[in-house]
Amino acid sequence: MKFLADENFPITAFRILLEAGYDIKHIAYEMPSVTDIDVTGLAIRENRIILTFDGDYGTLIFKLGYRPPGVVYFRLPTITADEPARIVMNLLKEGYPIDHMHTVVETDKIRQRRIQ
């Protein structure tokens, strides 16, 4: 499983996942200041699941028809810089299917919808 951290994904969390052995790229290093459509295009080309704090990917997927390999959207009001990495690792450990899913992580729940 490969990941693409959006520009708003904390560098600290990115480094934790990288050091844990995950195949992850950060958009700030790959293509800084690009549009969400460009991020989605890269994710599709490289078969990477997008990790983001940006809710616009739901619109791109469910209204405009884009089909990235998956999105994990962190809809959290406050969070430390390392928490997103821990959340991703826990999702995988707990067996959540994040491939071909739009996963919304909220403070008190996790919602998922298949990307078809």
PDB file of N, CA and C in Angstrom:
ATOM      1  N   MET A   1       0.844  -1.169   0.000  1.00  0.00           N
ATOM      2  CA  MET A   1       0.000   0.000   0.000  1.00  0.00           C
ATOM      3  C   MET A   1       0.895   1.239   0.000  1.00  0.00           C
ATOM      4  N   LYS A   2       0.576   2.178  -0.908  1.00  0.00           N
ATOM      5  CA  LYS A   2       1.379   3.379  -1.049  1.00  0.00           C
ATOM      6  C   LYS A   2       0.516   4.593  -0.707  1.00  0.00           C
ATOM      7  N   PHE A   3       1.156   5.617  -0.139  1.00  0.00           N
ATOM      8  CA  PHE A   3       0.442   6.809   0.305  1.00  0.00           C
ATOM      9  C   PHE A   3       1.003   8.065  -0.342  1.00  0.00           C
ATOM     10  N   LEU A   4       0.132   9.073  -0.463  1.00  0.00           N
ATOM     11  CA  LEU A   4       0.515  10.401  -0.911  1.00  0.00           C
ATOM     12  C   LEU A   4      -0.043  11.394   0.103  1.00  0.00           C
ATOM     13  N   ALA A   5       0.844  12.011   0.865  1.00  0.00           N
ATOM     14  CA  ALA A   5       0.432  12.998   1.861  1.00  0.00           C
ATOM     15  C   ALA A   5       0.182  14.331   1.166  1.00  0.00           C
ATOM     16  N   ASP A   6      -1.000  14.875   1.380  1.00  0.00           N
ATOM     17  CA  ASP A   6      -1.344  16.178   0.818  1.00  0.00           C
ATOM     18  C   ASP A   6      -0.484  17.250   1.497  1.00  0.00           C
ATOM     19  N   GLU A   7      -0.475  18.443   0.931  1.00  0.00           N
ATOM     20  CA  GLU A   7       0.371  19.509   1.466  1.00  0.00           C
ATOM     21  C   GLU A   7       0.024  19.862   2.911  1.00  0.00           C
ATOM     22  N   ASN A   8      -1.231  19.660   3.307  1.00  0.00           N
ATOM     23  CA  ASN A   8      -1.645  20.000   4.662  1.00  0.00           C
ATOM     24  C   ASN A   8      -1.389  18.881   5.675  1.00  0.00           C
ATOM     25  N   PHE A   9      -0.865  17.760   5.230  1.00  0.00           N
ATOM     26  CA  PHE A   9      -0.559  16.638   6.122  1.00  0.00           C
ATOM     27  C   PHE A   9       0.748  16.961   6.846  1.00  0.00           C
ATOM     28  N   PRO A  10       0.768  16.878   8.176  1.00  0.00           N
ATOM     29  CA  PRO A  10       1.961  17.287   8.928  1.00  0.00           C
ATOM     30  C   PRO A  10       3.232  16.531   8.515  1.00  0.00           C
ATOM     31  N   ILE A  11       4.312  17.272   8.353  1.00  0.00           N
ATOM     32  CA  ILE A  11       5.599  16.674   7.998  1.00  0.00           C
ATOM     33  C   ILE A  11       6.032  15.677   9.068  1.00  0.00           C
ATOM     34  N   THR A  12       5.742  15.977  10.331  1.00  0.00           N
ATOM     35  CA  THR A  12       6.096  15.057  11.411  1.00  0.00           C
ATOM     36  C   THR A  12       5.430  13.702  11.205  1.00  0.00           C
ATOM     37  N   ALA A  13       4.143  13.700  10.887  1.00  0.00           N
ATOM     38  CA  ALA A  13       3.407  12.453  10.648  1.00  0.00           C
ATOM     39  C   ALA A  13       3.945  11.737   9.418  1.00  0.00           C
ATOM     40  N   PHE A  14       4.261  12.506   8.378  1.00  0.00           N
ATOM     41  CA  PHE A  14       4.858  11.943   7.166  1.00  0.00           C
ATOM     42  C   PHE A  14       6.156  11.206   7.508  1.00  0.00           C
ATOM     43  N   ARG A  15       7.015  11.849   8.280  1.00  0.00           N
ATOM     44  CA  ARG A  15       8.307  11.241   8.637  1.00  0.00           C
ATOM     45  C   ARG A  15       8.138   9.991   9.486  1.00  0.00           C
ATOM     46  N   ILE A  16       7.162   9.998  10.376  1.00  0.00           N
ATOM     47  CA  ILE A  16       6.895   8.811  11.202  1.00  0.00           C
ATOM     48  C   ILE A  16       6.513   7.634  10.312  1.00  0.00           C
ATOM     49  N   LEU A  17       5.620   7.865   9.353  1.00  0.00           N
ATOM     50  CA  LEU A  17       5.205   6.790   8.446  1.00  0.00           C
ATOM     51  C   LEU A  17       6.370   6.333   7.572  1.00  0.00           C
ATOM     52  N   LEU A  18       7.174   7.271   7.097  1.00  0.00           N
ATOM     53  CA  LEU A  18       8.340   6.939   6.279  1.00  0.00           C
ATOM     54  C   LEU A  18       9.330   6.088   7.079  1.00  0.00           C
ATOM     55  N   GLU A  19       9.616   6.500   8.299  1.00  0.00           N
ATOM     56  CA  GLU A  19      10.552   5.762   9.148  1.00  0.00           C
ATOM     57  C   GLU A  19      10.004   4.398   9.567  1.00  0.00           C
ATOM     58  N   ALA A  20       8.675   4.263   9.590  1.00  0.00           N
ATOM     59  CA  ALA A  20       8.055   2.972   9.926  1.00  0.00           C
ATOM     60  C   ALA A  20       8.056   2.021   8.735  1.00  0.00           C
ATOM     61  N   GLY A  21       8.561   2.487   7.588  1.00  0.00           N
ATOM     62  CA  GLY A  21       8.682   1.620   6.424  1.00  0.00           C
ATOM     63  C   GLY A  21       7.586   1.740   5.386  1.00  0.00           C
ATOM     64  N   TYR A  22       6.683   2.692   5.555  1.00  0.00           N
ATOM     65  CA  TYR A  22       5.606   2.863   4.575  1.00  0.00           C
ATOM     66  C   TYR A  22       6.137   3.566   3.326  1.00  0.00           C
ATOM     67  N   ASP A  23       5.589   3.208   2.179  1.00  0.00           N
ATOM     68  CA  ASP A  23       5.904   3.850   0.911  1.00  0.00           C
ATOM     69  C   ASP A  23       5.029   5.096   0.835  1.00  0.00           C
ATOM     70  N   ILE A  24       5.610   6.238   1.137  1.00  0.00           N
ATOM     71  CA  ILE A  24       4.838   7.473   1.208  1.00  0.00           C
ATOM     72  C   ILE A  24       5.629   8.612   0.581  1.00  0.00           C
ATOM     73  N   LYS A  25       4.910   9.472  -0.126  1.00  0.00           N
ATOM     74  CA  LYS A  25       5.467  10.695  -0.676  1.00  0.00           C
ATOM     75  C   LYS A  25       4.661  11.858  -0.110  1.00  0.00           C
ATOM     76  N   HIS A  26       5.302  13.016   0.007  1.00  0.00           N
ATOM     77  CA  HIS A  26       4.609  14.221   0.483  1.00  0.00           C
ATOM     78  C   HIS A  26       4.536  15.208  -0.668  1.00  0.00           C
ATOM     79  N   ILE A  27       3.358  15.717  -0.926  1.00  0.00           N
ATOM     80  CA  ILE A  27       3.150  16.604  -2.070  1.00  0.00           C
ATOM     81  C   ILE A  27       4.007  17.867  -1.962  1.00  0.00           C
ATOM     82  N   ALA A  28       4.324  18.297  -0.743  1.00  0.00           N
ATOM     83  CA  ALA A  28       5.164  19.486  -0.570  1.00  0.00           C
ATOM     84  C   ALA A  28       6.559  19.275  -1.142  1.00  0.00           C
ATOM     85  N   TYR A  29       7.015  18.033  -1.180  1.00  0.00           N
ATOM     86  CA  TYR A  29       8.331  17.718  -1.747  1.00  0.00           C
ATOM     87  C   TYR A  29       8.238  17.353  -3.233  1.00  0.00           C
ATOM     88  N   GLU A  30       7.101  16.825  -3.639  1.00  0.00           N
ATOM     89  CA  GLU A  30       6.928  16.336  -5.015  1.00  0.00           C
ATOM     90  C   GLU A  30       6.462  17.429  -5.973  1.00  0.00           C
ATOM     91  N   MET A  31       5.402  18.133  -5.590  1.00  0.00           N
ATOM     92  CA  MET A  31       4.765  19.129  -6.461  1.00  0.00           C
ATOM     93  C   MET A  31       4.126  20.218  -5.599  1.00  0.00           C
ATOM     94  N   PRO A  32       4.899  21.061  -4.939  1.00  0.00           N
ATOM     95  CA  PRO A  32       4.301  22.048  -4.033  1.00  0.00           C
ATOM     96  C   PRO A  32       3.334  22.999  -4.737  1.00  0.00           C
ATOM     97  N   SER A  33       2.317  23.375  -3.995  1.00  0.00           N
ATOM     98  CA  SER A  33       1.341  24.387  -4.441  1.00  0.00           C
ATOM     99  C   SER A  33       0.544  23.987  -5.680  1.00  0.00           C
ATOM    100  N   VAL A  34       0.240  22.710  -5.835  1.00  0.00           N
ATOM    101  CA  VAL A  34      -0.584  22.281  -6.962  1.00  0.00           C
ATOM    102  C   VAL A  34      -2.037  22.140  -6.524  1.00  0.00           C
ATOM    103  N   THR A  35      -2.918  21.976  -7.481  1.00  0.00           N
ATOM    104  CA  THR A  35      -4.348  21.848  -7.193  1.00  0.00           C
ATOM    105  C   THR A  35      -4.667  20.438  -6.689  1.00  0.00           C
ATOM    106  N   ASP A  36      -5.845  20.317  -6.095  1.00  0.00           N
ATOM    107  CA  ASP A  36      -6.308  19.000  -5.649  1.00  0.00           C
ATOM    108  C   ASP A  36      -6.455  18.041  -6.834  1.00  0.00           C
ATOM    109  N   ILE A  37      -6.807  18.567  -7.990  1.00  0.00           N
ATOM    110  CA  ILE A  37      -6.922  17.729  -9.190  1.00  0.00           C
ATOM    111  C   ILE A  37      -5.554  17.174  -9.572  1.00  0.00           C
ATOM    112  N   ASP A  38      -4.518  18.001  -9.471  1.00  0.00           N
ATOM    113  CA  ASP A  38      -3.160  17.530  -9.758  1.00  0.00           C
ATOM    114  C   ASP A  38      -2.713  16.469  -8.749  1.00  0.00           C
ATOM    115  N   VAL A  39      -3.048  16.679  -7.480  1.00  0.00           N
ATOM    116  CA  VAL A  39      -2.719  15.695  -6.441  1.00  0.00           C
ATOM    117  C   VAL A  39      -3.422  14.382  -6.751  1.00  0.00           C
ATOM    118  N   THR A  40      -4.686  14.470  -7.115  1.00  0.00           N
ATOM    119  CA  THR A  40      -5.463  13.275  -7.459  1.00  0.00           C
ATOM    120  C   THR A  40      -4.851  12.571  -8.660  1.00  0.00           C
ATOM    121  N   GLY A  41      -4.438  13.325  -9.664  1.00  0.00           N
ATOM    122  CA  GLY A  41      -3.802  12.736 -10.846  1.00  0.00           C
ATOM    123  C   GLY A  41      -2.538  11.972 -10.489  1.00  0.00           C
ATOM    124  N   LEU A  42      -1.698  12.551  -9.625  1.00  0.00           N
ATOM    125  CA  LEU A  42      -0.486  11.869  -9.184  1.00  0.00           C
ATOM    126  C   LEU A  42      -0.827  10.605  -8.411  1.00  0.00           C
ATOM    127  N   ALA A  43      -1.830  10.696  -7.542  1.00  0.00           N
ATOM    128  CA  ALA A  43      -2.250   9.522  -6.770  1.00  0.00           C
ATOM    129  C   ALA A  43      -2.723   8.400  -7.696  1.00  0.00           C
ATOM    130  N   ILE A  44      -3.452   8.753  -8.733  1.00  0.00           N
ATOM    131  CA  ILE A  44      -3.946   7.758  -9.689  1.00  0.00           C
ATOM    132  C   ILE A  44      -2.779   7.147 -10.462  1.00  0.00           C
ATOM    133  N   ARG A  45      -1.894   7.989 -10.978  1.00  0.00           N
ATOM    134  CA  ARG A  45      -0.750   7.499 -11.765  1.00  0.00           C
ATOM    135  C   ARG A  45       0.153   6.570 -10.958  1.00  0.00           C
ATOM    136  N   GLU A  46       0.346   6.883  -9.683  1.00  0.00           N
ATOM    137  CA  GLU A  46       1.273   6.106  -8.858  1.00  0.00           C
ATOM    138  C   GLU A  46       0.568   5.136  -7.910  1.00  0.00           C
ATOM    139  N   ASN A  47      -0.753   5.027  -8.042  1.00  0.00           N
ATOM    140  CA  ASN A  47      -1.547   4.114  -7.219  1.00  0.00           C
ATOM    141  C   ASN A  47      -1.306   4.362  -5.727  1.00  0.00           C
ATOM    142  N   ARG A  48      -1.520   5.617  -5.306  1.00  0.00           N
ATOM    143  CA  ARG A  48      -1.287   6.018  -3.922  1.00  0.00           C
ATOM    144  C   ARG A  48      -2.579   6.507  -3.275  1.00  0.00           C
ATOM    145  N   ILE A  49      -2.758   6.163  -2.013  1.00  0.00           N
ATOM    146  CA  ILE A  49      -3.893   6.615  -1.218  1.00  0.00           C
ATOM    147  C   ILE A  49      -3.553   7.995  -0.668  1.00  0.00           C
ATOM    148  N   ILE A  50      -4.453   8.946  -0.866  1.00  0.00           N
ATOM    149  CA  ILE A  50      -4.239  10.324  -0.430  1.00  0.00           C
ATOM    150  C   ILE A  50      -4.553  10.448   1.066  1.00  0.00           C
ATOM    151  N   LEU A  51      -3.645  11.080   1.797  1.00  0.00           N
ATOM    152  CA  LEU A  51      -3.839  11.410   3.210  1.00  0.00           C
ATOM    153  C   LEU A  51      -3.985  12.924   3.289  1.00  0.00           C
ATOM    154  N   THR A  52      -5.123  13.414   3.802  1.00  0.00           N
ATOM    155  CA  THR A  52      -5.401  14.846   3.707  1.00  0.00           C
ATOM    156  C   THR A  52      -6.272  15.361   4.849  1.00  0.00           C
ATOM    157  N   PHE A  53      -6.225  16.673   5.031  1.00  0.00           N
ATOM    158  CA  PHE A  53      -7.129  17.389   5.925  1.00  0.00           C
ATOM    159  C   PHE A  53      -8.100  18.235   5.098  1.00  0.00           C
ATOM    160  N   ASP A  54      -8.156  17.993   3.812  1.00  0.00           N
ATOM    161  CA  ASP A  54      -8.943  18.770   2.854  1.00  0.00           C
ATOM    162  C   ASP A  54     -10.185  17.990   2.433  1.00  0.00           C
ATOM    163  N   GLY A  55     -11.352  18.543   2.734  1.00  0.00           N
ATOM    164  CA  GLY A  55     -12.607  17.876   2.418  1.00  0.00           C
ATOM    165  C   GLY A  55     -13.010  17.927   0.951  1.00  0.00           C
ATOM    166  N   ASP A  56     -12.278  18.669   0.131  1.00  0.00           N
ATOM    167  CA  ASP A  56     -12.642  18.805  -1.278  1.00  0.00           C
ATOM    168  C   ASP A  56     -12.498  17.515  -2.087  1.00  0.00           C
ATOM    169  N   TYR A  57     -11.751  16.558  -1.597  1.00  0.00           N
ATOM    170  CA  TYR A  57     -11.576  15.310  -2.352  1.00  0.00           C
ATOM    171  C   TYR A  57     -12.884  14.531  -2.465  1.00  0.00           C
ATOM    172  N   GLY A  58     -13.755  14.662  -1.483  1.00  0.00           N
ATOM    173  CA  GLY A  58     -15.074  14.030  -1.580  1.00  0.00           C
ATOM    174  C   GLY A  58     -15.848  14.554  -2.777  1.00  0.00           C
ATOM    175  N   THR A  59     -15.785  15.854  -3.007  1.00  0.00           N
ATOM    176  CA  THR A  59     -16.439  16.461  -4.172  1.00  0.00           C
ATOM    177  C   THR A  59     -15.819  15.957  -5.464  1.00  0.00           C
ATOM    178  N   LEU A  60     -14.490  15.914  -5.510  1.00  0.00           N
ATOM    179  CA  LEU A  60     -13.817  15.419  -6.719  1.00  0.00           C
ATOM    180  C   LEU A  60     -14.228  13.985  -7.042  1.00  0.00           C
ATOM    181  N   ILE A  61     -14.379  13.177  -6.010  1.00  0.00           N
ATOM    182  CA  ILE A  61     -14.707  11.768  -6.211  1.00  0.00           C
ATOM    183  C   ILE A  61     -16.185  11.570  -6.537  1.00  0.00           C
ATOM    184  N   PHE A  62     -17.047  12.057  -5.665  1.00  0.00           N
ATOM    185  CA  PHE A  62     -18.457  11.700  -5.743  1.00  0.00           C
ATOM    186  C   PHE A  62     -19.302  12.617  -6.632  1.00  0.00           C
ATOM    187  N   LYS A  63     -18.791  13.790  -6.964  1.00  0.00           N
ATOM    188  CA  LYS A  63     -19.545  14.674  -7.855  1.00  0.00           C
ATOM    189  C   LYS A  63     -18.893  14.823  -9.224  1.00  0.00           C
ATOM    190  N   LEU A  64     -17.532  14.767  -9.253  1.00  0.00           N
ATOM    191  CA  LEU A  64     -16.845  15.004 -10.523  1.00  0.00           C
ATOM    192  C   LEU A  64     -16.268  13.739 -11.154  1.00  0.00           C
ATOM    193  N   GLY A  65     -16.338  12.617 -10.440  1.00  0.00           N
ATOM    194  CA  GLY A  65     -15.962  11.344 -11.039  1.00  0.00           C
ATOM    195  C   GLY A  65     -14.503  10.938 -10.990  1.00  0.00           C
ATOM    196  N   TYR A  66     -13.676  11.649 -10.246  1.00  0.00           N
ATOM    197  CA  TYR A  66     -12.273  11.231 -10.110  1.00  0.00           C
ATOM    198  C   TYR A  66     -12.203   9.957  -9.278  1.00  0.00           C
ATOM    199  N   ARG A  67     -11.242   9.101  -9.581  1.00  0.00           N
ATOM    200  CA  ARG A  67     -11.151   7.801  -8.923  1.00  0.00           C
ATOM    201  C   ARG A  67      -9.736   7.512  -8.406  1.00  0.00           C
ATOM    202  N   PRO A  68      -9.316   8.227  -7.350  1.00  0.00           N
ATOM    203  CA  PRO A  68      -8.020   7.878  -6.767  1.00  0.00           C
ATOM    204  C   PRO A  68      -8.119   6.525  -6.075  1.00  0.00           C
ATOM    205  N   PRO A  69      -6.987   5.891  -5.791  1.00  0.00           N
ATOM    206  CA  PRO A  69      -6.988   4.565  -5.138  1.00  0.00           C
ATOM    207  C   PRO A  69      -7.570   4.579  -3.731  1.00  0.00           C
ATOM    208  N   GLY A  70      -7.744   5.757  -3.161  1.00  0.00           N
ATOM    209  CA  GLY A  70      -8.314   5.882  -1.828  1.00  0.00           C
ATOM    210  C   GLY A  70      -7.977   7.244  -1.254  1.00  0.00           C
ATOM    211  N   VAL A  71      -8.774   7.660  -0.273  1.00  0.00           N
ATOM    212  CA  VAL A  71      -8.532   8.920   0.432  1.00  0.00           C
ATOM    213  C   VAL A  71      -8.807   8.674   1.912  1.00  0.00           C
ATOM    214  N   VAL A  72      -7.897   9.145   2.761  1.00  0.00           N
ATOM    215  CA  VAL A  72      -8.156   9.198   4.195  1.00  0.00           C
ATOM    216  C   VAL A  72      -8.203  10.683   4.540  1.00  0.00           C
ATOM    217  N   TYR A  73      -9.398  11.127   4.895  1.00  0.00           N
ATOM    218  CA  TYR A  73      -9.651  12.536   5.198  1.00  0.00           C
ATOM    219  C   TYR A  73      -9.765  12.696   6.706  1.00  0.00           C
ATOM    220  N   PHE A  74      -8.861  13.462   7.274  1.00  0.00           N
ATOM    221  CA  PHE A  74      -8.844  13.707   8.716  1.00  0.00           C
ATOM    222  C   PHE A  74      -9.685  14.949   8.992  1.00  0.00           C
ATOM    223  N   ARG A  75     -10.860  14.720   9.538  1.00  0.00           N
ATOM    224  CA  ARG A  75     -11.786  15.816   9.854  1.00  0.00           C
ATOM    225  C   ARG A  75     -11.762  16.012  11.368  1.00  0.00           C
ATOM    226  N   LEU A  76     -10.641  16.558  11.826  1.00  0.00           N
ATOM    227  CA  LEU A  76     -10.396  16.678  13.254  1.00  0.00           C
ATOM    228  C   LEU A  76     -10.093  18.135  13.595  1.00  0.00           C
ATOM    229  N   PRO A  77     -10.755  18.692  14.615  1.00  0.00           N
ATOM    230  CA  PRO A  77     -10.568  20.109  14.927  1.00  0.00           C
ATOM    231  C   PRO A  77      -9.173  20.435  15.476  1.00  0.00           C
ATOM    232  N   THR A  78      -8.676  19.611  16.351  1.00  0.00           N
ATOM    233  CA  THR A  78      -7.331  19.819  16.898  1.00  0.00           C
ATOM    234  C   THR A  78      -6.612  18.488  16.939  1.00  0.00           C
ATOM    235  N   ILE A  79      -5.332  18.548  16.630  1.00  0.00           N
ATOM    236  CA  ILE A  79      -4.567  17.314  16.548  1.00  0.00           C
ATOM    237  C   ILE A  79      -3.086  17.666  16.650  1.00  0.00           C
ATOM    238  N   THR A  80      -2.305  16.795  17.254  1.00  0.00           N
ATOM    239  CA  THR A  80      -0.867  17.021  17.303  1.00  0.00           C
ATOM    240  C   THR A  80      -0.251  16.579  15.984  1.00  0.00           C
ATOM    241  N   ALA A  81       0.955  17.013  15.719  1.00  0.00           N
ATOM    242  CA  ALA A  81       1.600  16.749  14.426  1.00  0.00           C
ATOM    243  C   ALA A  81       1.885  15.278  14.175  1.00  0.00           C
ATOM    244  N   ASP A  82       1.954  14.473  15.235  1.00  0.00           N
ATOM    245  CA  ASP A  82       2.246  13.051  15.047  1.00  0.00           C
ATOM    246  C   ASP A  82       0.988  12.178  14.982  1.00  0.00           C
ATOM    247  N   GLU A  83      -0.128  12.679  15.450  1.00  0.00           N
ATOM    248  CA  GLU A  83      -1.349  11.867  15.523  1.00  0.00           C
ATOM    249  C   GLU A  83      -1.830  11.282  14.193  1.00  0.00           C
ATOM    250  N   PRO A  84      -1.779  12.016  13.092  1.00  0.00           N
ATOM    251  CA  PRO A  84      -2.248  11.411  11.840  1.00  0.00           C
ATOM    252  C   PRO A  84      -1.504  10.119  11.488  1.00  0.00           C
ATOM    253  N   ALA A  85      -0.216  10.065  11.756  1.00  0.00           N
ATOM    254  CA  ALA A  85       0.545   8.836  11.484  1.00  0.00           C
ATOM    255  C   ALA A  85       0.033   7.692  12.355  1.00  0.00           C
ATOM    256  N   ARG A  86      -0.188   7.971  13.611  1.00  0.00           N
ATOM    257  CA  ARG A  86      -0.694   6.935  14.527  1.00  0.00           C
ATOM    258  C   ARG A  86      -2.081   6.457  14.087  1.00  0.00           C
ATOM    259  N   ILE A  87      -2.904   7.382  13.614  1.00  0.00           N
ATOM    260  CA  ILE A  87      -4.247   7.018  13.153  1.00  0.00           C
ATOM    261  C   ILE A  87      -4.160   6.110  11.933  1.00  0.00           C
ATOM    262  N   VAL A  88      -3.316   6.454  10.967  1.00  0.00           N
ATOM    263  CA  VAL A  88      -3.165   5.616   9.772  1.00  0.00           C
ATOM    264  C   VAL A  88      -2.706   4.217  10.171  1.00  0.00           C
ATOM    265  N   MET A  89      -1.699   4.132  11.029  1.00  0.00           N
ATOM    266  CA  MET A  89      -1.192   2.819  11.447  1.00  0.00           C
ATOM    267  C   MET A  89      -2.261   2.024  12.198  1.00  0.00           C
ATOM    268  N   ASN A  90      -3.077   2.708  13.008  1.00  0.00           N
ATOM    269  CA  ASN A  90      -4.158   2.016  13.724  1.00  0.00           C
ATOM    270  C   ASN A  90      -5.259   1.551  12.779  1.00  0.00           C
ATOM    271  N   LEU A  91      -5.585   2.363  11.769  1.00  0.00           N
ATOM    272  CA  LEU A  91      -6.586   1.935  10.786  1.00  0.00           C
ATOM    273  C   LEU A  91      -6.152   0.631  10.126  1.00  0.00           C
ATOM    274  N   LEU A  92      -4.882   0.583   9.734  1.00  0.00           N
ATOM    275  CA  LEU A  92      -4.364  -0.624   9.083  1.00  0.00           C
ATOM    276  C   LEU A  92      -4.312  -1.797  10.057  1.00  0.00           C
ATOM    277  N   LYS A  93      -3.876  -1.543  11.266  1.00  0.00           N
ATOM    278  CA  LYS A  93      -3.783  -2.600  12.285  1.00  0.00           C
ATOM    279  C   LYS A  93      -5.161  -3.180  12.619  1.00  0.00           C
ATOM    280  N   GLU A  94      -6.164  -2.301  12.655  1.00  0.00           N
ATOM    281  CA  GLU A  94      -7.523  -2.739  12.992  1.00  0.00           C
ATOM    282  C   GLU A  94      -8.267  -3.327  11.798  1.00  0.00           C
ATOM    283  N   GLY A  95      -7.634  -3.345  10.630  1.00  0.00           N
ATOM    284  CA  GLY A  95      -8.222  -4.006   9.474  1.00  0.00           C
ATOM    285  C   GLY A  95      -9.203  -3.178   8.664  1.00  0.00           C
ATOM    286  N   TYR A  96      -9.174  -1.869   8.826  1.00  0.00           N
ATOM    287  CA  TYR A  96     -10.043  -1.039   8.005  1.00  0.00           C
ATOM    288  C   TYR A  96      -9.594  -1.129   6.549  1.00  0.00           C
ATOM    289  N   PRO A  97     -10.533  -1.381   5.635  1.00  0.00           N
ATOM    290  CA  PRO A  97     -10.171  -1.407   4.208  1.00  0.00           C
ATOM    291  C   PRO A  97     -10.105   0.026   3.679  1.00  0.00           C
ATOM    292  N   ILE A  98      -8.910   0.540   3.463  1.00  0.00           N
ATOM    293  CA  ILE A  98      -8.806   1.922   2.997  1.00  0.00           C
ATOM    294  C   ILE A  98      -8.514   2.017   1.499  1.00  0.00           C
ATOM    295  N   ASP A  99      -8.212   0.880   0.884  1.00  0.00           N
ATOM    296  CA  ASP A  99      -8.006   0.841  -0.559  1.00  0.00           C
ATOM    297  C   ASP A  99      -9.371   0.949  -1.247  1.00  0.00           C
ATOM    298  N   HIS A 100      -9.494   1.866  -2.199  1.00  0.00           N
ATOM    299  CA  HIS A 100     -10.747   2.121  -2.934  1.00  0.00           C
ATOM    300  C   HIS A 100     -11.863   2.609  -2.026  1.00  0.00           C
ATOM    301  N   MET A 101     -11.463   3.299  -0.932  1.00  0.00           N
ATOM    302  CA  MET A 101     -12.440   3.844   0.003  1.00  0.00           C
ATOM    303  C   MET A 101     -12.143   5.320   0.254  1.00  0.00           C
ATOM    304  N   HIS A 102     -13.216   6.072   0.488  1.00  0.00           N
ATOM    305  CA  HIS A 102     -13.090   7.438   0.996  1.00  0.00           C
ATOM    306  C   HIS A 102     -13.380   7.311   2.490  1.00  0.00           C
ATOM    307  N   THR A 103     -12.328   7.434   3.287  1.00  0.00           N
ATOM    308  CA  THR A 103     -12.422   7.236   4.726  1.00  0.00           C
ATOM    309  C   THR A 103     -12.365   8.596   5.408  1.00  0.00           C
ATOM    310  N   VAL A 104     -13.354   8.869   6.250  1.00  0.00           N
ATOM    311  CA  VAL A 104     -13.405  10.125   6.995  1.00  0.00           C
ATOM    312  C   VAL A 104     -13.163   9.790   8.461  1.00  0.00           C
ATOM    313  N   VAL A 105     -12.087  10.350   8.999  1.00  0.00           N
ATOM    314  CA  VAL A 105     -11.735  10.127  10.402  1.00  0.00           C
ATOM    315  C   VAL A 105     -12.183  11.350  11.192  1.00  0.00           C
ATOM    316  N   GLU A 106     -13.136  11.131  12.101  1.00  0.00           N
ATOM    317  CA  GLU A 106     -13.617  12.207  12.965  1.00  0.00           C
ATOM    318  C   GLU A 106     -13.256  11.864  14.404  1.00  0.00           C
ATOM    319  N   THR A 107     -13.453  12.796  15.291  1.00  0.00           N
ATOM    320  CA  THR A 107     -13.077  12.602  16.684  1.00  0.00           C
ATOM    321  C   THR A 107     -13.718  11.360  17.293  1.00  0.00           C
ATOM    322  N   ASP A 108     -14.991  11.139  16.996  1.00  0.00           N
ATOM    323  CA  ASP A 108     -15.724  10.060  17.650  1.00  0.00           C
ATOM    324  C   ASP A 108     -16.162   8.931  16.718  1.00  0.00           C
ATOM    325  N   LYS A 109     -15.776   8.994  15.448  1.00  0.00           N
ATOM    326  CA  LYS A 109     -16.186   7.926  14.537  1.00  0.00           C
ATOM    327  C   LYS A 109     -15.349   7.924  13.265  1.00  0.00           C
ATOM    328  N   ILE A 110     -15.463   6.816  12.548  1.00  0.00           N
ATOM    329  CA  ILE A 110     -14.834   6.664  11.240  1.00  0.00           C
ATOM    330  C   ILE A 110     -15.934   6.269  10.262  1.00  0.00           C
ATOM    331  N   ARG A 111     -16.043   7.045   9.178  1.00  0.00           N
ATOM    332  CA  ARG A 111     -17.036   6.736   8.154  1.00  0.00           C
ATOM    333  C   ARG A 111     -16.300   6.365   6.881  1.00  0.00           C
ATOM    334  N   GLN A 112     -16.889   5.422   6.129  1.00  0.00           N
ATOM    335  CA  GLN A 112     -16.277   5.007   4.872  1.00  0.00           C
ATOM    336  C   GLN A 112     -17.332   4.890   3.779  1.00  0.00           C
ATOM    337  N   ARG A 113     -16.900   5.225   2.581  1.00  0.00           N
ATOM    338  CA  ARG A 113     -17.745   5.063   1.394  1.00  0.00           C
ATOM    339  C   ARG A 113     -16.855   4.571   0.272  1.00  0.00           C
ATOM    340  N   ARG A 114     -17.315   3.552  -0.423  1.00  0.00           N
ATOM    341  CA  ARG A 114     -16.532   2.945  -1.500  1.00  0.00           C
ATOM    342  C   ARG A 114     -16.400   3.920  -2.666  1.00  0.00           C
ATOM    343  N   ILE A 115     -15.194   3.957  -3.227  1.00  0.00           N
ATOM    344  CA  ILE A 115     -14.925   4.714  -4.452  1.00  0.00           C
ATOM    345  C   ILE A 115     -15.096   3.729  -5.598  1.00  0.00           C
ATOM    346  N   GLN A 116     -16.111   3.945  -6.423  1.00  0.00           N
ATOM    347  CA  GLN A 116     -16.396   2.981  -7.495  1.00  0.00           C
ATOM    348  C   GLN A 116     -16.012   3.493  -8.839  1.00  0.00           C
TER     349      GLN A 116
END
